[in-house]
């Protein structure tokens, strides 16, 4: 069974529509697929309609930003009830912050001679959800930088002109939102946070103590050694193993839906108690 539980549409910072992402997942041979846009579930109605039409098992998901130790991390909620008021109230807070952040980024870029950034970035984003990736895409289109990586390095992090610190909910609150919606809370891509292994283990310890259900053991960019390491951590902290490509569809992104290494031998998977799946 081919499972991919972390993917994005243009309702956050992906390129394709929800229906197009679902079609692609089917074409890539996925049996079970999750759409997990950043801080929004708005694309899931369209995704579900398409999944029903082509007979693909769609998991309703969301990737929620969170704070831990003054750092931004991402927690994926899987199999959530998108009508849940607690979850939607939390996501609304984050959506409002994203609007404020976009305005601040645009002001910062204006201070270094990049004018009308907000107006230009709205033409890039296909929905009201504006992410830093949309600013990066716009600056590449404008010829300011040659690729998205250089945009983040020059403009969008730390004390750079468009650097704006996160004001997300704390990790324990985010986990509680996901649980209120009946979902499983999974730490996304644990090796992407620029932390030492010791610090990642501290992160996993704190999150598991707050009720975290799982961790992404296999991602679209994982090496075999990384998969082995994270699977060991999953066992150590009694966390279920999850798998997801983190597909966005950006130009030059090597990650593809469903193109994932095999899950290693783990104690349990995040879907093991989804009775309708087994």
C-alpha atoms as a PDB file:
ATOM      1  CA  UNK A   1       0.000   0.000   0.000  1.00  0.00           C
ATOM      2  CA  UNK A   2       1.472   3.367  -1.046  1.00  0.00           C
ATOM      3  CA  UNK A   3       0.803   6.045   1.557  1.00  0.00           C
ATOM      4  CA  UNK A   4       1.751   9.751   1.466  1.00  0.00           C
ATOM      5  CA  UNK A   5       0.526  11.851   4.397  1.00  0.00           C
ATOM      6  CA  UNK A   6       2.087  15.304   3.824  1.00  0.00           C
ATOM      7  CA  UNK A   7       1.300  17.386   0.722  1.00  0.00           C
ATOM      8  CA  UNK A   8       0.338  20.925  -0.263  1.00  0.00           C
ATOM      9  CA  UNK A   9      -1.954  22.700  -2.713  1.00  0.00           C
ATOM     10  CA  UNK A  10      -2.196  26.372  -3.673  1.00  0.00           C
ATOM     11  CA  UNK A  11      -4.418  26.934  -0.640  1.00  0.00           C
ATOM     12  CA  UNK A  12      -1.089  27.393   1.142  1.00  0.00           C
ATOM     13  CA  UNK A  13       2.274  27.398  -0.629  1.00  0.00           C
ATOM     14  CA  UNK A  14       1.837  24.628  -3.185  1.00  0.00           C
ATOM     15  CA  UNK A  15       1.455  25.140  -6.928  1.00  0.00           C
ATOM     16  CA  UNK A  16      -1.467  22.887  -7.881  1.00  0.00           C
ATOM     17  CA  UNK A  17      -5.146  23.065  -6.984  1.00  0.00           C
ATOM     18  CA  UNK A  18      -6.458  20.503  -4.482  1.00  0.00           C
ATOM     19  CA  UNK A  19      -8.129  18.543  -7.306  1.00  0.00           C
ATOM     20  CA  UNK A  20      -4.900  18.548  -9.325  1.00  0.00           C
ATOM     21  CA  UNK A  21      -2.870  17.335  -6.343  1.00  0.00           C
ATOM     22  CA  UNK A  22      -5.357  14.506  -5.758  1.00  0.00           C
ATOM     23  CA  UNK A  23      -5.214  13.529  -9.442  1.00  0.00           C
ATOM     24  CA  UNK A  24      -1.424  13.508  -9.305  1.00  0.00           C
ATOM     25  CA  UNK A  25      -1.434  11.317  -6.198  1.00  0.00           C
ATOM     26  CA  UNK A  26      -3.688   8.825  -7.974  1.00  0.00           C
ATOM     27  CA  UNK A  27      -1.477   8.863 -11.078  1.00  0.00           C
ATOM     28  CA  UNK A  28       1.592   8.256  -8.900  1.00  0.00           C
ATOM     29  CA  UNK A  29      -0.038   5.130  -7.494  1.00  0.00           C
ATOM     30  CA  UNK A  30      -0.992   6.369  -4.029  1.00  0.00           C
ATOM     31  CA  UNK A  31      -3.604   4.338  -2.176  1.00  0.00           C
ATOM     32  CA  UNK A  32      -3.854   6.737   0.777  1.00  0.00           C
ATOM     33  CA  UNK A  33      -3.100  10.425   0.494  1.00  0.00           C
ATOM     34  CA  UNK A  34      -3.324  13.445   2.825  1.00  0.00           C
ATOM     35  CA  UNK A  35      -3.645  17.092   1.874  1.00  0.00           C
ATOM     36  CA  UNK A  36      -1.974  19.108   4.657  1.00  0.00           C
ATOM     37  CA  UNK A  37      -1.908  22.787   3.749  1.00  0.00           C
ATOM     38  CA  UNK A  38      -0.320  25.268   6.148  1.00  0.00           C
ATOM     39  CA  UNK A  39      -2.741  26.546   8.794  1.00  0.00           C
ATOM     40  CA  UNK A  40      -5.840  26.002   6.651  1.00  0.00           C
ATOM     41  CA  UNK A  41      -8.254  23.225   5.744  1.00  0.00           C
ATOM     42  CA  UNK A  42      -9.976  25.262   3.021  1.00  0.00           C
ATOM     43  CA  UNK A  43      -8.764  23.078   0.148  1.00  0.00           C
ATOM     44  CA  UNK A  44     -10.132  19.843   1.577  1.00  0.00           C
ATOM     45  CA  UNK A  45     -13.703  20.131   0.274  1.00  0.00           C
ATOM     46  CA  UNK A  46     -12.460  20.338  -3.318  1.00  0.00           C
ATOM     47  CA  UNK A  47      -9.887  17.616  -2.664  1.00  0.00           C
ATOM     48  CA  UNK A  48     -12.545  15.289  -1.210  1.00  0.00           C
ATOM     49  CA  UNK A  49     -14.869  15.801  -4.189  1.00  0.00           C
ATOM     50  CA  UNK A  50     -12.075  14.803  -6.561  1.00  0.00           C
ATOM     51  CA  UNK A  51     -10.922  11.904  -4.376  1.00  0.00           C
ATOM     52  CA  UNK A  52     -14.475  10.511  -4.356  1.00  0.00           C
ATOM     53  CA  UNK A  53     -14.643  10.805  -8.131  1.00  0.00           C
ATOM     54  CA  UNK A  54     -11.433   8.868  -8.765  1.00  0.00           C
ATOM     55  CA  UNK A  55     -11.711   6.487  -5.787  1.00  0.00           C
ATOM     56  CA  UNK A  56      -8.681   7.643  -3.761  1.00  0.00           C
ATOM     57  CA  UNK A  57      -8.605   7.389   0.037  1.00  0.00           C
ATOM     58  CA  UNK A  58      -8.125  11.002   1.186  1.00  0.00           C
ATOM     59  CA  UNK A  59      -7.022  11.834   4.731  1.00  0.00           C
ATOM     60  CA  UNK A  60      -8.085  15.285   5.904  1.00  0.00           C
ATOM     61  CA  UNK A  61      -5.000  17.022   7.232  1.00  0.00           C
ATOM     62  CA  UNK A  62      -3.400  20.346   8.089  1.00  0.00           C
ATOM     63  CA  UNK A  63       0.170  21.441   8.817  1.00  0.00           C
ATOM     64  CA  UNK A  64       0.106  23.804  11.782  1.00  0.00           C
ATOM     65  CA  UNK A  65       2.926  26.164  12.726  1.00  0.00           C
ATOM     66  CA  UNK A  66       3.855  26.104  16.411  1.00  0.00           C
ATOM     67  CA  UNK A  67       6.395  27.543  18.817  1.00  0.00           C
ATOM     68  CA  UNK A  68       8.828  25.466  20.839  1.00  0.00           C
ATOM     69  CA  UNK A  69      11.657  27.084  22.766  1.00  0.00           C
ATOM     70  CA  UNK A  70      11.160  30.300  20.736  1.00  0.00           C
ATOM     71  CA  UNK A  71      11.592  28.349  17.503  1.00  0.00           C
ATOM     72  CA  UNK A  72       9.008  27.636  14.806  1.00  0.00           C
ATOM     73  CA  UNK A  73       8.195  23.974  14.236  1.00  0.00           C
ATOM     74  CA  UNK A  74       5.467  22.301  12.189  1.00  0.00           C
ATOM     75  CA  UNK A  75       2.936  19.806  13.523  1.00  0.00           C
ATOM     76  CA  UNK A  76       0.797  17.890  11.035  1.00  0.00           C
ATOM     77  CA  UNK A  77      -2.753  17.054  12.068  1.00  0.00           C
ATOM     78  CA  UNK A  78      -4.058  13.913  10.351  1.00  0.00           C
ATOM     79  CA  UNK A  79      -7.606  12.599  10.057  1.00  0.00           C
ATOM     80  CA  UNK A  80      -9.049  15.794  11.546  1.00  0.00           C
ATOM     81  CA  UNK A  81     -12.680  16.895  11.564  1.00  0.00           C
ATOM     82  CA  UNK A  82     -12.533  20.090   9.521  1.00  0.00           C
ATOM     83  CA  UNK A  83     -15.802  21.290  11.070  1.00  0.00           C
ATOM     84  CA  UNK A  84     -14.330  21.286  14.582  1.00  0.00           C
ATOM     85  CA  UNK A  85     -14.685  24.735  16.142  1.00  0.00           C
ATOM     86  CA  UNK A  86     -11.606  24.507  18.385  1.00  0.00           C
ATOM     87  CA  UNK A  87      -9.337  23.644  15.459  1.00  0.00           C
ATOM     88  CA  UNK A  88     -10.822  26.287  13.180  1.00  0.00           C
ATOM     89  CA  UNK A  89     -10.595  28.990  15.857  1.00  0.00           C
ATOM     90  CA  UNK A  90      -6.903  28.180  16.300  1.00  0.00           C
ATOM     91  CA  UNK A  91      -6.242  28.176  12.567  1.00  0.00           C
ATOM     92  CA  UNK A  92      -8.038  31.523  12.252  1.00  0.00           C
ATOM     93  CA  UNK A  93      -5.562  33.043  14.736  1.00  0.00           C
ATOM     94  CA  UNK A  94      -2.691  31.844  12.574  1.00  0.00           C
ATOM     95  CA  UNK A  95      -4.312  33.056   9.363  1.00  0.00           C
ATOM     96  CA  UNK A  96      -4.711  36.525  10.876  1.00  0.00           C
ATOM     97  CA  UNK A  97      -1.062  36.534  11.918  1.00  0.00           C
ATOM     98  CA  UNK A  98      -0.044  35.528   8.387  1.00  0.00           C
ATOM     99  CA  UNK A  99      -1.868  38.599   7.029  1.00  0.00           C
ATOM    100  CA  UNK A 100      -0.075  40.868   9.521  1.00  0.00           C
ATOM    101  CA  UNK A 101       3.256  39.187   8.723  1.00  0.00           C
ATOM    102  CA  UNK A 102       2.741  39.687   4.979  1.00  0.00           C
ATOM    103  CA  UNK A 103       2.219  43.405   5.516  1.00  0.00           C
ATOM    104  CA  UNK A 104       5.362  43.620   7.673  1.00  0.00           C
ATOM    105  CA  UNK A 105       7.435  41.687   5.112  1.00  0.00           C
ATOM    106  CA  UNK A 106       6.235  44.029   2.368  1.00  0.00           C
ATOM    107  CA  UNK A 107       7.161  47.092   4.455  1.00  0.00           C
ATOM    108  CA  UNK A 108      10.603  45.650   5.127  1.00  0.00           C
ATOM    109  CA  UNK A 109      11.195  44.974   1.439  1.00  0.00           C
ATOM    110  CA  UNK A 110      10.005  48.488   0.606  1.00  0.00           C
ATOM    111  CA  UNK A 111      12.714  49.809   2.905  1.00  0.00           C
ATOM    112  CA  UNK A 112      15.378  48.346   0.596  1.00  0.00           C
ATOM    113  CA  UNK A 113      13.785  49.549  -2.620  1.00  0.00           C
ATOM    114  CA  UNK A 114      11.470  46.632  -3.464  1.00  0.00           C
ATOM    115  CA  UNK A 115       8.206  48.527  -3.795  1.00  0.00           C
ATOM    116  CA  UNK A 116       4.585  47.313  -4.079  1.00  0.00           C
ATOM    117  CA  UNK A 117       5.647  43.882  -2.811  1.00  0.00           C
ATOM    118  CA  UNK A 118       2.266  43.088  -1.253  1.00  0.00           C
ATOM    119  CA  UNK A 119       0.336  43.937  -4.414  1.00  0.00           C
ATOM    120  CA  UNK A 120       2.735  41.873  -6.512  1.00  0.00           C
ATOM    121  CA  UNK A 121       2.677  38.891  -4.168  1.00  0.00           C
ATOM    122  CA  UNK A 122      -1.138  38.831  -4.223  1.00  0.00           C
ATOM    123  CA  UNK A 123      -0.891  38.180  -7.959  1.00  0.00           C
ATOM    124  CA  UNK A 124       1.317  35.149  -7.241  1.00  0.00           C
ATOM    125  CA  UNK A 125      -0.889  33.675  -4.497  1.00  0.00           C
ATOM    126  CA  UNK A 126      -4.087  32.078  -5.774  1.00  0.00           C
ATOM    127  CA  UNK A 127      -5.892  32.391  -2.416  1.00  0.00           C
ATOM    128  CA  UNK A 128      -5.837  34.964   0.421  1.00  0.00           C
ATOM    129  CA  UNK A 129      -3.298  32.787   2.306  1.00  0.00           C
ATOM    130  CA  UNK A 130       0.033  34.553   1.701  1.00  0.00           C
ATOM    131  CA  UNK A 131       3.170  32.699   2.785  1.00  0.00           C
ATOM    132  CA  UNK A 132       6.850  33.570   2.716  1.00  0.00           C
ATOM    133  CA  UNK A 133       7.139  31.191  -0.229  1.00  0.00           C
ATOM    134  CA  UNK A 134       4.858  33.477  -2.244  1.00  0.00           C
ATOM    135  CA  UNK A 135       7.196  36.401  -1.531  1.00  0.00           C
ATOM    136  CA  UNK A 136      10.122  34.243  -2.616  1.00  0.00           C
ATOM    137  CA  UNK A 137       8.347  33.261  -5.837  1.00  0.00           C
ATOM    138  CA  UNK A 138       7.533  36.899  -6.559  1.00  0.00           C
ATOM    139  CA  UNK A 139      11.128  38.057  -6.011  1.00  0.00           C
ATOM    140  CA  UNK A 140      12.412  35.361  -8.353  1.00  0.00           C
ATOM    141  CA  UNK A 141       9.836  36.390 -10.986  1.00  0.00           C
ATOM    142  CA  UNK A 142      10.917  40.015 -10.571  1.00  0.00           C
ATOM    143  CA  UNK A 143      14.538  39.027 -11.165  1.00  0.00           C
ATOM    144  CA  UNK A 144      15.674  40.187  -7.709  1.00  0.00           C
ATOM    145  CA  UNK A 145      17.082  36.726  -6.921  1.00  0.00           C
ATOM    146  CA  UNK A 146      17.879  33.722  -9.098  1.00  0.00           C
ATOM    147  CA  UNK A 147      16.143  31.119  -6.935  1.00  0.00           C
ATOM    148  CA  UNK A 148      13.956  30.762  -3.845  1.00  0.00           C
ATOM    149  CA  UNK A 149      16.806  29.607  -1.636  1.00  0.00           C
ATOM    150  CA  UNK A 150      18.726  32.825  -2.234  1.00  0.00           C
ATOM    151  CA  UNK A 151      15.601  34.910  -1.525  1.00  0.00           C
ATOM    152  CA  UNK A 152      15.249  33.403   1.946  1.00  0.00           C
ATOM    153  CA  UNK A 153      18.959  33.853   2.611  1.00  0.00           C
ATOM    154  CA  UNK A 154      19.006  37.529   1.520  1.00  0.00           C
ATOM    155  CA  UNK A 155      15.585  38.797   2.526  1.00  0.00           C
ATOM    156  CA  UNK A 156      13.230  36.597   4.558  1.00  0.00           C
ATOM    157  CA  UNK A 157      14.995  35.290   7.652  1.00  0.00           C
ATOM    158  CA  UNK A 158      16.342  36.673  10.918  1.00  0.00           C
ATOM    159  CA  UNK A 159      17.213  40.350  10.789  1.00  0.00           C
ATOM    160  CA  UNK A 160      17.053  40.560   6.995  1.00  0.00           C
ATOM    161  CA  UNK A 161      14.736  43.234   5.468  1.00  0.00           C
ATOM    162  CA  UNK A 162      11.758  40.855   5.205  1.00  0.00           C
ATOM    163  CA  UNK A 163      12.503  38.810   8.308  1.00  0.00           C
ATOM    164  CA  UNK A 164       9.486  38.679  10.640  1.00  0.00           C
ATOM    165  CA  UNK A 165       9.499  36.470  13.720  1.00  0.00           C
ATOM    166  CA  UNK A 166       6.768  33.869  14.196  1.00  0.00           C
ATOM    167  CA  UNK A 167       3.897  34.502  16.594  1.00  0.00           C
ATOM    168  CA  UNK A 168       2.367  31.054  16.485  1.00  0.00           C
ATOM    169  CA  UNK A 169       0.597  29.194  19.275  1.00  0.00           C
ATOM    170  CA  UNK A 170       2.733  27.084  21.600  1.00  0.00           C
ATOM    171  CA  UNK A 171       3.239  23.416  20.671  1.00  0.00           C
ATOM    172  CA  UNK A 172       1.016  22.035  23.436  1.00  0.00           C
ATOM    173  CA  UNK A 173      -1.876  24.272  22.377  1.00  0.00           C
ATOM    174  CA  UNK A 174      -1.528  23.196  18.739  1.00  0.00           C
ATOM    175  CA  UNK A 175      -1.534  19.530  19.749  1.00  0.00           C
ATOM    176  CA  UNK A 176      -4.710  20.169  21.768  1.00  0.00           C
ATOM    177  CA  UNK A 177      -6.424  21.742  18.722  1.00  0.00           C
ATOM    178  CA  UNK A 178      -5.641  18.660  16.625  1.00  0.00           C
ATOM    179  CA  UNK A 179      -6.846  16.292  19.341  1.00  0.00           C
ATOM    180  CA  UNK A 180     -10.044  18.326  19.795  1.00  0.00           C
ATOM    181  CA  UNK A 181     -10.719  17.671  16.095  1.00  0.00           C
ATOM    182  CA  UNK A 182     -10.206  13.936  16.600  1.00  0.00           C
ATOM    183  CA  UNK A 183      -6.889  13.933  14.749  1.00  0.00           C
ATOM    184  CA  UNK A 184      -3.396  12.596  15.261  1.00  0.00           C
ATOM    185  CA  UNK A 185      -0.600  15.122  15.889  1.00  0.00           C
ATOM    186  CA  UNK A 186       2.666  14.384  14.071  1.00  0.00           C
ATOM    187  CA  UNK A 187       5.950  16.308  14.151  1.00  0.00           C
ATOM    188  CA  UNK A 188       6.808  17.171  10.546  1.00  0.00           C
ATOM    189  CA  UNK A 189      10.295  16.657   9.046  1.00  0.00           C
ATOM    190  CA  UNK A 190      12.221  16.535  12.377  1.00  0.00           C
ATOM    191  CA  UNK A 191      15.645  16.884  10.759  1.00  0.00           C
ATOM    192  CA  UNK A 192      14.843  20.154   8.994  1.00  0.00           C
ATOM    193  CA  UNK A 193      14.954  22.463  12.003  1.00  0.00           C
ATOM    194  CA  UNK A 194      18.708  23.111  12.080  1.00  0.00           C
ATOM    195  CA  UNK A 195      19.065  21.595  15.530  1.00  0.00           C
ATOM    196  CA  UNK A 196      21.624  19.214  16.944  1.00  0.00           C
ATOM    197  CA  UNK A 197      20.415  15.644  17.453  1.00  0.00           C
ATOM    198  CA  UNK A 198      20.485  16.258  21.205  1.00  0.00           C
ATOM    199  CA  UNK A 199      18.133  19.222  20.815  1.00  0.00           C
ATOM    200  CA  UNK A 200      15.785  17.306  18.499  1.00  0.00           C
ATOM    201  CA  UNK A 201      15.518  14.595  21.140  1.00  0.00           C
ATOM    202  CA  UNK A 202      14.666  17.254  23.721  1.00  0.00           C
ATOM    203  CA  UNK A 203      12.009  18.568  21.333  1.00  0.00           C
ATOM    204  CA  UNK A 204      10.559  15.067  20.914  1.00  0.00           C
ATOM    205  CA  UNK A 205      10.593  14.556  24.683  1.00  0.00           C
ATOM    206  CA  UNK A 206       8.673  17.805  25.306  1.00  0.00           C
ATOM    207  CA  UNK A 207       6.161  17.175  22.513  1.00  0.00           C
ATOM    208  CA  UNK A 208       5.523  13.559  23.453  1.00  0.00           C
ATOM    209  CA  UNK A 209       4.912  14.736  27.014  1.00  0.00           C
ATOM    210  CA  UNK A 210       2.274  17.100  25.625  1.00  0.00           C
ATOM    211  CA  UNK A 211       0.508  14.289  23.773  1.00  0.00           C
ATOM    212  CA  UNK A 212       2.252  14.180  20.391  1.00  0.00           C
ATOM    213  CA  UNK A 213       1.147  11.017  18.589  1.00  0.00           C
ATOM    214  CA  UNK A 214       3.824  10.562  15.955  1.00  0.00           C
ATOM    215  CA  UNK A 215       6.818  11.767  13.978  1.00  0.00           C
ATOM    216  CA  UNK A 216       7.577  11.717  10.264  1.00  0.00           C
ATOM    217  CA  UNK A 217      10.115   8.924   9.928  1.00  0.00           C
ATOM    218  CA  UNK A 218      10.159   8.996   6.118  1.00  0.00           C
ATOM    219  CA  UNK A 219      10.020  12.248   4.120  1.00  0.00           C
ATOM    220  CA  UNK A 220      10.579  13.021   0.466  1.00  0.00           C
ATOM    221  CA  UNK A 221      14.168  14.059   1.138  1.00  0.00           C
ATOM    222  CA  UNK A 222      15.165  11.464   3.769  1.00  0.00           C
ATOM    223  CA  UNK A 223      18.353   9.448   3.397  1.00  0.00           C
ATOM    224  CA  UNK A 224      18.472   5.827   4.585  1.00  0.00           C
ATOM    225  CA  UNK A 225      20.598   6.842   7.581  1.00  0.00           C
ATOM    226  CA  UNK A 226      18.137   9.575   8.532  1.00  0.00           C
ATOM    227  CA  UNK A 227      15.212   7.153   8.325  1.00  0.00           C
ATOM    228  CA  UNK A 228      17.037   4.717  10.605  1.00  0.00           C
ATOM    229  CA  UNK A 229      17.842   7.487  13.098  1.00  0.00           C
ATOM    230  CA  UNK A 230      14.312   8.910  13.284  1.00  0.00           C
ATOM    231  CA  UNK A 231      12.747   5.447  13.520  1.00  0.00           C
ATOM    232  CA  UNK A 232      14.963   4.826  16.563  1.00  0.00           C
ATOM    233  CA  UNK A 233      13.748   8.072  18.117  1.00  0.00           C
ATOM    234  CA  UNK A 234      10.138   7.097  17.406  1.00  0.00           C
ATOM    235  CA  UNK A 235      10.659   3.884  19.367  1.00  0.00           C
ATOM    236  CA  UNK A 236      12.514   5.681  22.165  1.00  0.00           C
ATOM    237  CA  UNK A 237       9.697   8.183  22.719  1.00  0.00           C
ATOM    238  CA  UNK A 238       6.878   5.720  21.978  1.00  0.00           C
ATOM    239  CA  UNK A 239       5.719   7.696  18.946  1.00  0.00           C
ATOM    240  CA  UNK A 240       3.942   6.320  15.900  1.00  0.00           C
ATOM    241  CA  UNK A 241       5.801   6.547  12.598  1.00  0.00           C
ATOM    242  CA  UNK A 242       4.389   8.618   9.753  1.00  0.00           C
ATOM    243  CA  UNK A 243       5.411   9.077   6.121  1.00  0.00           C
ATOM    244  CA  UNK A 244       4.977  12.069   3.816  1.00  0.00           C
ATOM    245  CA  UNK A 245       6.707  13.600   0.843  1.00  0.00           C
ATOM    246  CA  UNK A 246       5.994  17.293   1.670  1.00  0.00           C
ATOM    247  CA  UNK A 247       5.176  17.839  -2.001  1.00  0.00           C
ATOM    248  CA  UNK A 248       4.619  21.428  -3.161  1.00  0.00           C
ATOM    249  CA  UNK A 249       5.200  21.255  -6.908  1.00  0.00           C
ATOM    250  CA  UNK A 250       7.707  24.107  -6.998  1.00  0.00           C
ATOM    251  CA  UNK A 251      10.000  24.339 -10.042  1.00  0.00           C
ATOM    252  CA  UNK A 252      13.204  22.338  -9.479  1.00  0.00           C
ATOM    253  CA  UNK A 253      11.785  20.617  -6.391  1.00  0.00           C
ATOM    254  CA  UNK A 254      12.904  17.007  -6.603  1.00  0.00           C
ATOM    255  CA  UNK A 255      10.278  15.759  -4.147  1.00  0.00           C
ATOM    256  CA  UNK A 256       7.428  13.894  -5.836  1.00  0.00           C
ATOM    257  CA  UNK A 257       4.167  12.580  -4.404  1.00  0.00           C
ATOM    258  CA  UNK A 258       4.429   8.924  -3.474  1.00  0.00           C
ATOM    259  CA  UNK A 259       8.155   8.677  -4.294  1.00  0.00           C
ATOM    260  CA  UNK A 260       9.220   7.640  -0.816  1.00  0.00           C
ATOM    261  CA  UNK A 261      11.581   5.126   0.680  1.00  0.00           C
ATOM    262  CA  UNK A 262      10.036   2.173   2.479  1.00  0.00           C
ATOM    263  CA  UNK A 263       8.995   2.521   6.074  1.00  0.00           C
ATOM    264  CA  UNK A 264      11.479   0.612   8.271  1.00  0.00           C
ATOM    265  CA  UNK A 265      10.471  -1.823  10.966  1.00  0.00           C
ATOM    266  CA  UNK A 266       8.671   0.331  13.555  1.00  0.00           C
ATOM    267  CA  UNK A 267       6.622  -0.384  16.658  1.00  0.00           C
ATOM    268  CA  UNK A 268       3.515   1.264  15.196  1.00  0.00           C
ATOM    269  CA  UNK A 269       2.403   3.487  12.338  1.00  0.00           C
ATOM    270  CA  UNK A 270       0.198   6.554  12.646  1.00  0.00           C
ATOM    271  CA  UNK A 271      -2.523   4.770  10.655  1.00  0.00           C
ATOM    272  CA  UNK A 272      -2.386   1.465  12.553  1.00  0.00           C
ATOM    273  CA  UNK A 273      -5.589   2.177  14.494  1.00  0.00           C
ATOM    274  CA  UNK A 274      -7.522   3.623  11.556  1.00  0.00           C
ATOM    275  CA  UNK A 275      -9.678   0.514  11.347  1.00  0.00           C
ATOM    276  CA  UNK A 276     -11.272   1.515   8.044  1.00  0.00           C
ATOM    277  CA  UNK A 277      -7.810   1.523   6.454  1.00  0.00           C
ATOM    278  CA  UNK A 278      -6.486  -1.842   7.616  1.00  0.00           C
END
